[in-house]
N, C-alpha and C. Protein backbone atom coordinates (compact mmCIF):
# COMPACT_ATOMS: atom_id res chain seq x y z
N MET A 1 151.21 264.83 219.00
CA MET A 1 151.66 264.56 217.63
C MET A 1 151.79 263.07 217.36
N ASN A 2 151.60 262.25 218.39
CA ASN A 2 151.69 260.80 218.23
C ASN A 2 153.03 260.37 217.67
N GLN A 3 154.07 261.03 218.12
CA GLN A 3 155.42 260.66 217.72
C GLN A 3 156.11 260.02 218.90
N LYS A 4 156.85 258.94 218.62
CA LYS A 4 157.58 258.30 219.70
C LYS A 4 158.95 258.94 219.81
N ALA A 5 159.26 259.45 221.02
CA ALA A 5 160.54 260.12 221.23
C ALA A 5 161.29 259.43 222.37
N THR A 6 162.59 259.44 222.28
CA THR A 6 163.44 258.90 223.33
C THR A 6 163.53 259.92 224.44
N PRO A 7 164.14 259.55 225.58
CA PRO A 7 164.32 260.54 226.66
C PRO A 7 165.11 261.76 226.21
N HIS A 8 165.87 261.64 225.14
CA HIS A 8 166.64 262.77 224.64
C HIS A 8 165.94 263.45 223.47
N ASP A 9 164.65 263.17 223.33
CA ASP A 9 163.85 263.81 222.29
C ASP A 9 164.35 263.51 220.89
N ILE A 10 164.87 262.33 220.70
CA ILE A 10 165.23 261.87 219.36
C ILE A 10 164.03 261.11 218.79
N ILE A 11 163.48 261.59 217.71
CA ILE A 11 162.29 260.97 217.13
C ILE A 11 162.68 259.65 216.44
N THR A 12 162.04 258.57 216.83
CA THR A 12 162.34 257.26 216.24
C THR A 12 161.15 256.66 215.49
N ALA A 13 159.99 257.33 215.52
CA ALA A 13 158.82 256.81 214.82
C ALA A 13 157.91 257.96 214.42
N LEU A 14 157.26 257.82 213.26
CA LEU A 14 156.34 258.84 212.76
C LEU A 14 155.08 258.18 212.21
N PRO A 15 153.92 258.82 212.39
CA PRO A 15 152.68 258.28 211.82
C PRO A 15 152.74 258.16 210.30
N SER A 16 153.51 259.03 209.66
CA SER A 16 153.62 258.97 208.21
C SER A 16 154.43 257.78 207.73
N ALA A 17 155.13 257.12 208.64
CA ALA A 17 155.88 255.90 208.32
C ALA A 17 155.44 254.82 209.32
N PRO A 18 154.28 254.18 209.09
CA PRO A 18 153.70 253.25 210.08
C PRO A 18 154.64 252.13 210.50
N ILE A 19 155.53 251.70 209.61
CA ILE A 19 156.41 250.59 209.95
C ILE A 19 157.34 250.98 211.10
N THR A 20 157.66 252.27 211.23
CA THR A 20 158.53 252.71 212.33
C THR A 20 157.80 252.68 213.65
N GLN A 21 156.47 252.81 213.62
CA GLN A 21 155.68 252.69 214.85
C GLN A 21 155.44 251.23 215.21
N GLU A 22 155.32 250.40 214.19
CA GLU A 22 155.11 248.97 214.43
C GLU A 22 156.36 248.31 215.00
N ARG A 23 157.52 248.73 214.49
CA ARG A 23 158.78 248.13 214.93
C ARG A 23 159.58 249.18 215.70
N GLU A 24 159.36 249.23 216.99
CA GLU A 24 160.01 250.23 217.83
C GLU A 24 161.46 249.83 218.14
N LEU A 25 162.25 250.82 218.51
CA LEU A 25 163.63 250.59 218.88
C LEU A 25 163.77 250.55 220.40
N PHE A 26 164.82 249.93 220.88
CA PHE A 26 165.09 249.91 222.32
C PHE A 26 165.86 251.16 222.68
N THR A 27 165.29 251.99 223.53
CA THR A 27 165.91 253.27 223.89
C THR A 27 166.09 253.44 225.39
N ASP A 28 165.63 252.48 226.16
CA ASP A 28 165.64 252.64 227.62
C ASP A 28 166.97 252.17 228.21
N TRP A 29 168.05 252.78 227.75
CA TRP A 29 169.38 252.42 228.24
C TRP A 29 169.68 253.17 229.53
N LYS A 30 170.00 252.43 230.58
CA LYS A 30 170.34 253.02 231.88
C LYS A 30 171.68 252.49 232.40
N ASN A 31 171.92 251.21 232.20
CA ASN A 31 173.10 250.57 232.78
C ASN A 31 174.27 250.43 231.82
N LEU A 32 173.98 250.40 230.53
CA LEU A 32 175.03 250.19 229.54
C LEU A 32 175.33 251.49 228.80
N LYS A 33 176.57 251.89 228.83
CA LYS A 33 176.99 253.11 228.16
C LYS A 33 177.41 252.82 226.73
N GLN A 34 177.14 253.77 225.85
CA GLN A 34 177.52 253.69 224.43
C GLN A 34 177.09 252.36 223.82
N ALA A 35 175.79 252.11 223.90
CA ALA A 35 175.24 250.85 223.39
C ALA A 35 175.41 250.72 221.88
N GLY A 36 175.61 251.84 221.20
CA GLY A 36 175.79 251.77 219.76
C GLY A 36 177.18 251.39 219.32
N VAL A 37 178.11 251.30 220.27
CA VAL A 37 179.49 250.92 219.95
C VAL A 37 179.62 249.40 220.06
N ALA A 38 180.10 248.77 218.99
CA ALA A 38 180.25 247.31 218.97
C ALA A 38 181.37 246.86 219.90
N ARG A 39 181.16 245.72 220.55
CA ARG A 39 182.16 245.14 221.46
C ARG A 39 182.81 243.93 220.80
N VAL A 40 184.11 243.77 221.05
CA VAL A 40 184.83 242.70 220.37
C VAL A 40 184.95 241.44 221.22
N ASN A 41 184.84 241.54 222.55
CA ASN A 41 185.06 240.35 223.38
C ASN A 41 183.97 240.08 224.40
N ILE A 42 182.92 240.91 224.47
CA ILE A 42 181.80 240.64 225.36
C ILE A 42 180.50 240.94 224.61
N ALA A 43 179.40 240.39 225.13
CA ALA A 43 178.08 240.62 224.54
C ALA A 43 177.17 241.21 225.60
N PRO A 44 177.30 242.50 225.90
CA PRO A 44 176.53 243.12 226.98
C PRO A 44 175.11 243.47 226.56
N THR A 45 174.22 243.51 227.55
CA THR A 45 172.85 243.98 227.35
C THR A 45 172.53 244.95 228.47
N GLU A 46 171.35 245.52 228.47
CA GLU A 46 170.96 246.47 229.50
C GLU A 46 170.98 245.83 230.88
N ASN A 47 170.49 244.61 231.00
CA ASN A 47 170.44 243.95 232.29
C ASN A 47 171.76 243.29 232.67
N ARG A 48 172.64 243.09 231.67
CA ARG A 48 173.94 242.48 231.95
C ARG A 48 175.01 243.31 231.23
N PRO A 49 175.32 244.47 231.77
CA PRO A 49 176.25 245.38 231.09
C PRO A 49 177.67 244.84 230.95
N ASN A 50 178.01 243.82 231.73
CA ASN A 50 179.33 243.21 231.62
C ASN A 50 179.31 241.94 230.79
N GLY A 51 178.17 241.66 230.18
CA GLY A 51 178.05 240.46 229.37
C GLY A 51 177.95 239.21 230.23
N ALA A 52 178.15 238.07 229.61
CA ALA A 52 178.14 236.80 230.33
C ALA A 52 179.50 236.60 230.98
N THR A 53 179.53 236.65 232.30
CA THR A 53 180.80 236.56 233.03
C THR A 53 181.14 235.14 233.45
N GLU A 54 180.19 234.22 233.29
CA GLU A 54 180.43 232.85 233.70
C GLU A 54 181.37 232.13 232.73
N TYR A 55 182.17 231.21 233.27
CA TYR A 55 182.99 230.29 232.48
C TYR A 55 184.02 231.00 231.59
N GLY A 56 184.36 232.24 231.90
CA GLY A 56 185.38 232.93 231.13
C GLY A 56 185.03 233.15 229.68
N TYR A 57 183.75 233.51 229.43
CA TYR A 57 183.29 233.66 228.05
C TYR A 57 184.10 234.69 227.26
N SER A 58 184.46 235.81 227.90
CA SER A 58 185.15 236.86 227.16
C SER A 58 186.49 236.38 226.63
N LYS A 59 187.20 235.57 227.40
CA LYS A 59 188.48 235.04 226.93
C LYS A 59 188.26 234.01 225.82
N ARG A 60 187.22 233.21 225.96
CA ARG A 60 186.96 232.19 224.95
C ARG A 60 186.51 232.79 223.63
N HIS A 61 185.96 234.00 223.67
CA HIS A 61 185.48 234.63 222.45
C HIS A 61 186.55 235.47 221.76
N ALA A 62 187.74 235.56 222.34
CA ALA A 62 188.81 236.32 221.70
C ALA A 62 189.27 235.63 220.43
N ARG A 63 189.65 236.39 219.44
CA ARG A 63 190.16 235.89 218.16
C ARG A 63 189.18 234.89 217.53
N GLN A 64 187.92 235.21 217.59
CA GLN A 64 186.89 234.46 216.89
C GLN A 64 186.75 233.02 217.37
N THR A 65 187.19 232.75 218.61
CA THR A 65 187.13 231.38 219.11
C THR A 65 185.72 230.95 219.45
N VAL A 66 184.74 231.86 219.35
CA VAL A 66 183.35 231.44 219.57
C VAL A 66 182.97 230.34 218.61
N CYS A 67 183.62 230.29 217.45
CA CYS A 67 183.33 229.25 216.46
C CYS A 67 183.96 227.92 216.82
N ARG A 68 184.77 227.88 217.90
CA ARG A 68 185.45 226.65 218.25
C ARG A 68 184.78 225.94 219.42
N ILE A 69 183.51 226.21 219.63
CA ILE A 69 182.82 225.58 220.76
C ILE A 69 182.41 224.15 220.45
N TYR A 70 182.47 223.75 219.19
CA TYR A 70 182.08 222.39 218.83
C TYR A 70 183.09 221.39 219.37
N PRO A 71 182.66 220.19 219.70
CA PRO A 71 183.57 219.20 220.25
C PRO A 71 184.61 218.73 219.23
N ILE A 72 184.29 218.73 217.94
CA ILE A 72 185.19 218.19 216.92
C ILE A 72 185.76 219.33 216.09
N VAL A 73 186.96 219.81 216.44
CA VAL A 73 187.62 220.87 215.70
C VAL A 73 189.11 220.58 215.66
N LEU A 74 189.74 220.67 214.48
CA LEU A 74 191.15 220.36 214.33
C LEU A 74 191.88 221.47 213.60
N PHE A 75 193.12 221.73 214.02
CA PHE A 75 194.00 222.65 213.30
C PHE A 75 193.38 224.02 213.07
N SER A 76 192.63 224.52 214.03
CA SER A 76 192.00 225.85 213.95
C SER A 76 191.01 225.96 212.80
N ASN A 77 190.60 224.85 212.23
CA ASN A 77 189.62 224.85 211.15
C ASN A 77 188.44 223.99 211.57
N ALA A 78 187.24 224.41 211.20
CA ALA A 78 186.05 223.63 211.49
C ALA A 78 185.85 222.62 210.37
N HIS A 79 185.92 221.35 210.70
CA HIS A 79 185.82 220.30 209.71
C HIS A 79 184.37 219.89 209.46
N ASN A 80 184.16 219.24 208.30
CA ASN A 80 182.84 218.71 208.03
C ASN A 80 182.52 217.53 208.94
N TRP A 81 183.50 217.07 209.71
CA TRP A 81 183.22 216.05 210.72
C TRP A 81 182.39 216.61 211.86
N ASN A 82 182.09 217.87 211.82
CA ASN A 82 181.22 218.45 212.84
C ASN A 82 179.84 217.83 212.84
N MET A 83 179.57 216.96 211.86
CA MET A 83 178.33 216.21 211.88
C MET A 83 178.21 215.45 213.19
N LEU A 84 179.37 214.98 213.72
CA LEU A 84 179.35 214.29 215.00
C LEU A 84 178.92 215.22 216.12
N ALA A 85 179.34 216.48 216.02
CA ALA A 85 178.93 217.46 217.02
C ALA A 85 177.43 217.71 216.95
N PHE A 86 176.88 217.77 215.74
CA PHE A 86 175.44 217.94 215.60
C PHE A 86 174.69 216.75 216.20
N ARG A 87 175.26 215.55 216.04
CA ARG A 87 174.62 214.38 216.60
C ARG A 87 174.64 214.44 218.13
N LEU A 88 175.75 215.01 218.69
CA LEU A 88 175.82 215.16 220.14
C LEU A 88 174.77 216.15 220.64
N LEU A 89 174.34 217.06 219.77
CA LEU A 89 173.27 218.00 220.11
C LEU A 89 171.89 217.40 219.87
N GLN A 90 171.89 216.08 219.59
CA GLN A 90 170.66 215.30 219.40
C GLN A 90 169.91 215.68 218.13
N TRP A 91 170.65 216.15 217.14
CA TRP A 91 170.04 216.33 215.83
C TRP A 91 169.85 214.96 215.19
N SER A 92 168.87 214.86 214.31
CA SER A 92 168.69 213.62 213.55
C SER A 92 169.83 213.46 212.55
N ILE A 93 170.01 212.27 212.04
CA ILE A 93 171.07 212.03 211.05
C ILE A 93 170.83 212.89 209.82
N PHE A 94 169.57 212.98 209.40
CA PHE A 94 169.25 213.79 208.22
C PHE A 94 169.62 215.25 208.44
N MET A 95 169.22 215.82 209.59
CA MET A 95 169.51 217.22 209.87
C MET A 95 171.01 217.45 210.05
N SER A 96 171.72 216.47 210.61
CA SER A 96 173.17 216.60 210.78
C SER A 96 173.86 216.66 209.43
N VAL A 97 173.48 215.78 208.53
CA VAL A 97 174.06 215.78 207.19
C VAL A 97 173.68 217.06 206.45
N PHE A 98 172.41 217.44 206.56
CA PHE A 98 171.94 218.65 205.90
C PHE A 98 172.67 219.88 206.43
N GLY A 99 172.87 219.96 207.75
CA GLY A 99 173.56 221.09 208.35
C GLY A 99 174.99 221.21 207.87
N VAL A 100 175.67 220.09 207.78
CA VAL A 100 177.05 220.10 207.29
C VAL A 100 177.10 220.55 205.84
N LEU A 101 176.19 220.04 205.02
CA LEU A 101 176.17 220.42 203.60
C LEU A 101 175.91 221.92 203.44
N VAL A 102 174.97 222.44 204.23
CA VAL A 102 174.63 223.86 204.10
C VAL A 102 175.75 224.74 204.63
N ILE A 103 176.20 224.47 205.86
CA ILE A 103 177.18 225.34 206.51
C ILE A 103 178.54 225.26 205.82
N HIS A 104 179.05 224.05 205.67
CA HIS A 104 180.39 223.91 205.08
C HIS A 104 180.36 224.14 203.58
N GLY A 105 179.29 223.73 202.94
CA GLY A 105 179.19 223.97 201.50
C GLY A 105 179.15 225.44 201.16
N ALA A 106 178.53 226.23 202.03
CA ALA A 106 178.38 227.66 201.75
C ALA A 106 179.60 228.46 202.16
N PHE A 107 180.25 228.08 203.27
CA PHE A 107 181.26 228.94 203.86
C PHE A 107 182.70 228.48 203.67
N SER A 108 182.90 227.26 203.22
CA SER A 108 184.28 226.77 203.08
C SER A 108 185.07 227.60 202.08
N TYR A 109 184.53 227.79 200.88
CA TYR A 109 185.27 228.52 199.85
C TYR A 109 185.47 229.98 200.23
N LEU A 110 184.48 230.56 200.90
CA LEU A 110 184.57 231.98 201.26
C LEU A 110 185.69 232.26 202.26
N THR A 111 186.02 231.28 203.09
CA THR A 111 187.01 231.51 204.15
C THR A 111 188.40 230.98 203.80
N LEU A 112 188.63 230.63 202.56
CA LEU A 112 189.95 230.14 202.17
C LEU A 112 191.04 231.16 202.49
N PRO A 113 192.25 230.70 202.81
CA PRO A 113 193.35 231.64 203.09
C PRO A 113 193.61 232.55 201.89
N PRO A 114 194.12 233.75 202.13
CA PRO A 114 194.41 234.69 201.03
C PRO A 114 195.34 234.07 199.99
N GLY A 115 195.01 234.30 198.73
CA GLY A 115 195.83 233.80 197.64
C GLY A 115 195.45 232.42 197.17
N ARG A 116 194.58 231.76 197.87
CA ARG A 116 194.17 230.40 197.47
C ARG A 116 192.84 230.49 196.75
N TRP A 117 192.77 229.91 195.57
CA TRP A 117 191.56 230.01 194.76
C TRP A 117 190.85 228.68 194.56
N TYR A 118 191.58 227.55 194.76
CA TYR A 118 190.95 226.25 194.55
C TYR A 118 190.27 225.81 195.85
N PRO A 119 189.16 225.13 195.76
CA PRO A 119 188.38 224.78 196.96
C PRO A 119 189.08 223.74 197.82
N ASP A 120 188.71 223.72 199.08
CA ASP A 120 189.21 222.72 200.02
C ASP A 120 188.37 221.45 199.83
N LEU A 121 189.04 220.36 199.50
CA LEU A 121 188.32 219.12 199.21
C LEU A 121 187.64 218.54 200.45
N LEU A 122 188.10 218.96 201.65
CA LEU A 122 187.46 218.50 202.88
C LEU A 122 186.38 219.47 203.35
N PHE A 123 186.17 220.55 202.58
CA PHE A 123 185.16 221.56 202.91
C PHE A 123 185.36 222.12 204.30
N ARG A 124 186.64 222.37 204.68
CA ARG A 124 186.91 222.96 205.99
C ARG A 124 186.58 224.45 205.96
N ILE A 125 186.16 224.97 207.13
CA ILE A 125 185.93 226.40 207.30
C ILE A 125 187.12 226.96 208.06
N TYR A 126 187.83 227.90 207.45
CA TYR A 126 189.01 228.47 208.06
C TYR A 126 188.59 229.63 208.98
N LEU A 127 188.71 229.39 210.28
CA LEU A 127 188.14 230.30 211.26
C LEU A 127 188.83 231.66 211.32
N ASP A 128 190.07 231.74 210.87
CA ASP A 128 190.74 233.05 210.86
C ASP A 128 190.04 234.01 209.89
N ASN A 129 189.29 233.46 208.94
CA ASN A 129 188.58 234.28 207.96
C ASN A 129 187.07 234.17 208.09
N ILE A 130 186.59 233.71 209.25
CA ILE A 130 185.17 233.46 209.40
C ILE A 130 184.35 234.75 209.28
N HIS A 131 184.98 235.90 209.50
CA HIS A 131 184.23 237.15 209.43
C HIS A 131 183.72 237.44 208.02
N VAL A 132 184.33 236.85 206.99
CA VAL A 132 183.88 237.11 205.62
C VAL A 132 182.68 236.23 205.27
N ALA A 133 182.28 235.34 206.18
CA ALA A 133 181.18 234.42 205.89
C ALA A 133 179.86 234.92 206.48
N LYS A 134 179.78 236.17 206.84
CA LYS A 134 178.54 236.73 207.38
C LYS A 134 177.51 236.87 206.26
N HIS A 135 176.32 236.29 206.47
CA HIS A 135 175.29 236.38 205.44
C HIS A 135 174.40 237.59 205.68
N GLY A 136 173.68 238.00 204.66
CA GLY A 136 172.79 239.15 204.75
C GLY A 136 171.44 238.78 205.34
N SER A 137 170.56 239.75 205.42
CA SER A 137 169.20 239.54 205.95
C SER A 137 169.22 238.98 207.36
N ASP A 138 170.20 239.38 208.16
CA ASP A 138 170.29 238.89 209.53
C ASP A 138 169.85 239.98 210.51
N THR A 139 170.11 239.78 211.78
CA THR A 139 169.67 240.76 212.78
C THR A 139 170.62 241.95 212.88
N ALA A 140 171.78 241.86 212.23
CA ALA A 140 172.82 242.90 212.30
C ALA A 140 173.41 243.00 213.70
N THR A 141 173.21 241.97 214.54
CA THR A 141 173.77 241.96 215.88
C THR A 141 175.29 241.94 215.84
N TYR A 142 175.85 241.28 214.86
CA TYR A 142 177.30 241.25 214.68
C TYR A 142 177.66 242.02 213.42
N ASP A 143 178.72 242.82 213.51
CA ASP A 143 179.15 243.57 212.33
C ASP A 143 180.01 242.68 211.44
N ASN A 144 180.51 243.22 210.36
CA ASN A 144 181.25 242.41 209.38
C ASN A 144 182.63 241.98 209.87
N GLU A 145 183.04 242.48 211.02
CA GLU A 145 184.30 242.03 211.61
C GLU A 145 184.08 241.11 212.81
N GLY A 146 182.83 240.78 213.10
CA GLY A 146 182.52 239.86 214.17
C GLY A 146 182.31 240.49 215.53
N ARG A 147 182.17 241.81 215.59
CA ARG A 147 181.95 242.48 216.87
C ARG A 147 180.46 242.51 217.21
N PHE A 148 180.16 242.43 218.50
CA PHE A 148 178.78 242.39 219.00
C PHE A 148 178.22 243.81 219.12
N ARG A 149 176.99 244.01 218.61
CA ARG A 149 176.34 245.31 218.67
C ARG A 149 175.16 245.25 219.65
N PRO A 150 175.30 245.81 220.83
CA PRO A 150 174.21 245.75 221.83
C PRO A 150 172.92 246.40 221.33
N GLN A 151 173.04 247.54 220.63
CA GLN A 151 171.84 248.24 220.18
C GLN A 151 171.03 247.40 219.22
N GLN A 152 171.67 246.83 218.22
CA GLN A 152 170.95 246.02 217.24
C GLN A 152 170.38 244.75 217.85
N PHE A 153 171.11 244.17 218.80
CA PHE A 153 170.61 242.97 219.47
C PHE A 153 169.33 243.27 220.23
N SER A 154 169.34 244.36 221.00
CA SER A 154 168.16 244.74 221.77
C SER A 154 167.02 245.19 220.86
N ASP A 155 167.37 245.86 219.76
CA ASP A 155 166.34 246.31 218.82
C ASP A 155 165.54 245.14 218.26
N PHE A 156 166.22 244.02 217.98
CA PHE A 156 165.52 242.88 217.38
C PHE A 156 164.44 242.35 218.32
N PHE A 157 164.77 242.26 219.61
CA PHE A 157 163.78 241.79 220.59
C PHE A 157 162.65 242.79 220.75
N THR A 158 162.98 244.07 220.72
CA THR A 158 161.96 245.10 220.90
C THR A 158 161.04 245.18 219.69
N ARG A 159 161.59 245.04 218.51
CA ARG A 159 160.81 245.19 217.28
C ARG A 159 159.92 244.00 217.01
N PHE A 160 160.41 242.81 217.33
CA PHE A 160 159.66 241.61 216.95
C PHE A 160 159.18 240.78 218.13
N GLY A 161 159.65 241.07 219.34
CA GLY A 161 159.27 240.30 220.51
C GLY A 161 158.22 241.00 221.36
N SER A 162 158.16 240.62 222.62
CA SER A 162 157.19 241.19 223.57
C SER A 162 157.90 241.50 224.88
N GLN A 163 157.47 242.57 225.53
CA GLN A 163 158.06 242.94 226.82
C GLN A 163 157.45 242.08 227.91
N LEU A 164 158.31 241.41 228.68
CA LEU A 164 157.86 240.53 229.75
C LEU A 164 157.82 241.28 231.08
N THR A 165 158.94 241.90 231.45
CA THR A 165 159.02 242.71 232.66
C THR A 165 159.77 243.98 232.31
N ASP A 166 160.00 244.79 233.31
CA ASP A 166 160.72 246.05 233.09
C ASP A 166 162.14 245.76 232.62
N GLY A 167 162.44 246.14 231.40
CA GLY A 167 163.78 245.95 230.86
C GLY A 167 164.06 244.56 230.35
N GLU A 168 163.07 243.69 230.33
CA GLU A 168 163.27 242.32 229.87
C GLU A 168 162.28 242.00 228.77
N TYR A 169 162.79 241.49 227.66
CA TYR A 169 161.96 241.16 226.50
C TYR A 169 162.12 239.69 226.17
N GLY A 170 161.07 239.13 225.59
CA GLY A 170 161.11 237.75 225.14
C GLY A 170 160.62 237.66 223.70
N ILE A 171 161.00 236.59 223.05
CA ILE A 171 160.56 236.40 221.67
C ILE A 171 160.24 234.93 221.46
N THR A 172 159.10 234.65 220.89
CA THR A 172 158.69 233.27 220.65
C THR A 172 159.28 232.78 219.33
N TYR A 173 159.11 231.51 219.09
CA TYR A 173 159.59 230.91 217.85
C TYR A 173 158.93 231.57 216.64
N ARG A 174 157.63 231.78 216.71
CA ARG A 174 156.92 232.40 215.60
C ARG A 174 157.36 233.86 215.40
N GLN A 175 157.59 234.55 216.51
CA GLN A 175 158.07 235.93 216.40
C GLN A 175 159.47 235.98 215.80
N ALA A 176 160.30 234.99 216.15
CA ALA A 176 161.65 234.94 215.58
C ALA A 176 161.59 234.71 214.08
N LEU A 177 160.67 233.85 213.64
CA LEU A 177 160.50 233.64 212.20
C LEU A 177 160.01 234.92 211.52
N LYS A 178 159.09 235.61 212.18
CA LYS A 178 158.60 236.89 211.65
C LYS A 178 159.75 237.89 211.55
N GLY A 179 160.63 237.87 212.56
CA GLY A 179 161.78 238.76 212.53
C GLY A 179 162.74 238.42 211.41
N ALA A 180 162.96 237.13 211.17
CA ALA A 180 163.84 236.72 210.09
C ALA A 180 163.29 237.19 208.74
N TRP A 181 161.95 237.12 208.59
CA TRP A 181 161.32 237.60 207.36
C TRP A 181 161.34 239.12 207.29
N GLY A 182 161.15 239.77 208.44
CA GLY A 182 161.13 241.23 208.46
C GLY A 182 162.49 241.84 208.20
N GLN A 183 163.57 241.10 208.46
CA GLN A 183 164.93 241.60 208.24
C GLN A 183 165.45 241.32 206.83
N ARG A 184 164.62 240.73 205.99
CA ARG A 184 165.11 240.30 204.68
C ARG A 184 165.54 241.48 203.81
N CYS A 185 166.55 241.23 203.01
CA CYS A 185 167.03 242.22 202.04
C CYS A 185 166.64 241.76 200.64
N ALA A 186 166.53 242.71 199.74
CA ALA A 186 166.13 242.39 198.36
C ALA A 186 167.16 241.47 197.70
N MET A 187 166.66 240.50 196.95
CA MET A 187 167.50 239.59 196.17
C MET A 187 168.47 238.79 197.04
N ASP A 188 168.08 238.50 198.26
CA ASP A 188 168.97 237.77 199.18
C ASP A 188 168.30 236.49 199.64
N ALA A 189 168.06 235.60 198.72
CA ALA A 189 167.40 234.33 199.05
C ALA A 189 168.25 233.51 200.02
N PHE A 190 169.57 233.55 199.83
CA PHE A 190 170.44 232.76 200.71
C PHE A 190 170.36 233.28 202.15
N GLY A 191 170.45 234.59 202.33
CA GLY A 191 170.42 235.16 203.67
C GLY A 191 169.11 234.89 204.38
N VAL A 192 167.99 235.03 203.67
CA VAL A 192 166.68 234.77 204.26
C VAL A 192 166.56 233.29 204.65
N SER A 193 167.00 232.42 203.75
CA SER A 193 166.95 230.98 204.04
C SER A 193 167.82 230.63 205.24
N ALA A 194 169.00 231.27 205.34
CA ALA A 194 169.88 231.01 206.48
C ALA A 194 169.24 231.46 207.78
N GLY A 195 168.56 232.62 207.76
CA GLY A 195 167.89 233.10 208.97
C GLY A 195 166.80 232.16 209.44
N VAL A 196 166.01 231.66 208.50
CA VAL A 196 164.95 230.71 208.84
C VAL A 196 165.55 229.41 209.35
N PHE A 197 166.62 228.95 208.70
CA PHE A 197 167.30 227.72 209.11
C PHE A 197 167.82 227.84 210.54
N GLU A 198 168.35 229.01 210.90
CA GLU A 198 168.87 229.22 212.25
C GLU A 198 167.75 229.19 213.27
N CYS A 199 166.58 229.73 212.92
CA CYS A 199 165.43 229.64 213.83
C CYS A 199 165.02 228.19 214.04
N GLU A 200 165.05 227.41 212.97
CA GLU A 200 164.71 226.00 213.07
C GLU A 200 165.73 225.27 213.94
N ASP A 201 167.01 225.67 213.83
CA ASP A 201 168.05 225.06 214.66
C ASP A 201 167.72 225.22 216.13
N LEU A 202 167.36 226.45 216.52
CA LEU A 202 167.05 226.72 217.92
C LEU A 202 165.85 225.91 218.40
N SER A 203 164.87 225.77 217.52
CA SER A 203 163.67 225.02 217.92
C SER A 203 163.99 223.55 218.14
N THR A 204 164.92 222.99 217.34
CA THR A 204 165.29 221.58 217.52
C THR A 204 166.09 221.36 218.78
N LEU A 205 166.71 222.43 219.31
CA LEU A 205 167.48 222.30 220.54
C LEU A 205 166.60 222.47 221.78
N GLY A 206 165.30 222.65 221.56
CA GLY A 206 164.39 222.71 222.69
C GLY A 206 163.93 224.10 223.06
N PHE A 207 164.42 225.13 222.35
CA PHE A 207 163.99 226.50 222.65
C PHE A 207 162.73 226.82 221.86
N SER A 208 161.67 226.11 222.15
CA SER A 208 160.45 226.24 221.34
C SER A 208 159.43 227.18 221.96
N SER A 209 159.68 227.67 223.17
CA SER A 209 158.68 228.53 223.81
C SER A 209 159.07 230.00 223.68
N VAL A 210 159.91 230.50 224.60
CA VAL A 210 160.25 231.92 224.59
C VAL A 210 161.75 232.09 224.82
N PHE A 211 162.40 232.85 223.93
CA PHE A 211 163.77 233.26 224.16
C PHE A 211 163.72 234.53 224.99
N ILE A 212 164.59 234.67 225.98
CA ILE A 212 164.54 235.82 226.86
C ILE A 212 165.83 236.65 226.71
N LEU A 213 165.65 237.93 226.50
CA LEU A 213 166.78 238.86 226.49
C LEU A 213 167.03 239.32 227.91
N SER A 214 168.23 239.07 228.42
CA SER A 214 168.54 239.44 229.80
C SER A 214 169.93 240.03 229.88
């Protein structure tokens, strides 16, 4: 019947819907249980069911502290002075200024404390409310509360990347751009632009060949 079925005979693709055959889902789960359940403090994959255990990542990611990895952060808020952090990442002055304008300009007002309606003149991002700053047309790897979704993360690599070895997938820069375009939602110019911008960010950091899911 030329239908793609999981080991549990759940049909995930049909010839009558070619896009489902072109973009397959990751179904070869052996080591990670309940991959469809979002995790709040770890980012597990099939090859690393306990997530990244180095450097105490799970503790650092508690209470949305993943956003506090930048060198310049004050009072639990991400300041527009993070331009210095971008410079430390060897971004050009133009890209550093542009990144601050895009990130802080877009998300500062959205993350204001409850009851506050006037904008922050310093364009600070309030990290306690960072979950409301999730843009659309993304990979859906993180839900609207900031929890990590193993299934959606693996699906993105399977749908738009290439299988390198058994259980390991990689995705090139061009494939990542294709994925950002393939995940677009109707009337969501901002979300699509943000996805492309994030791909460009990774390329400027030197990840220009292959990203590996492990």
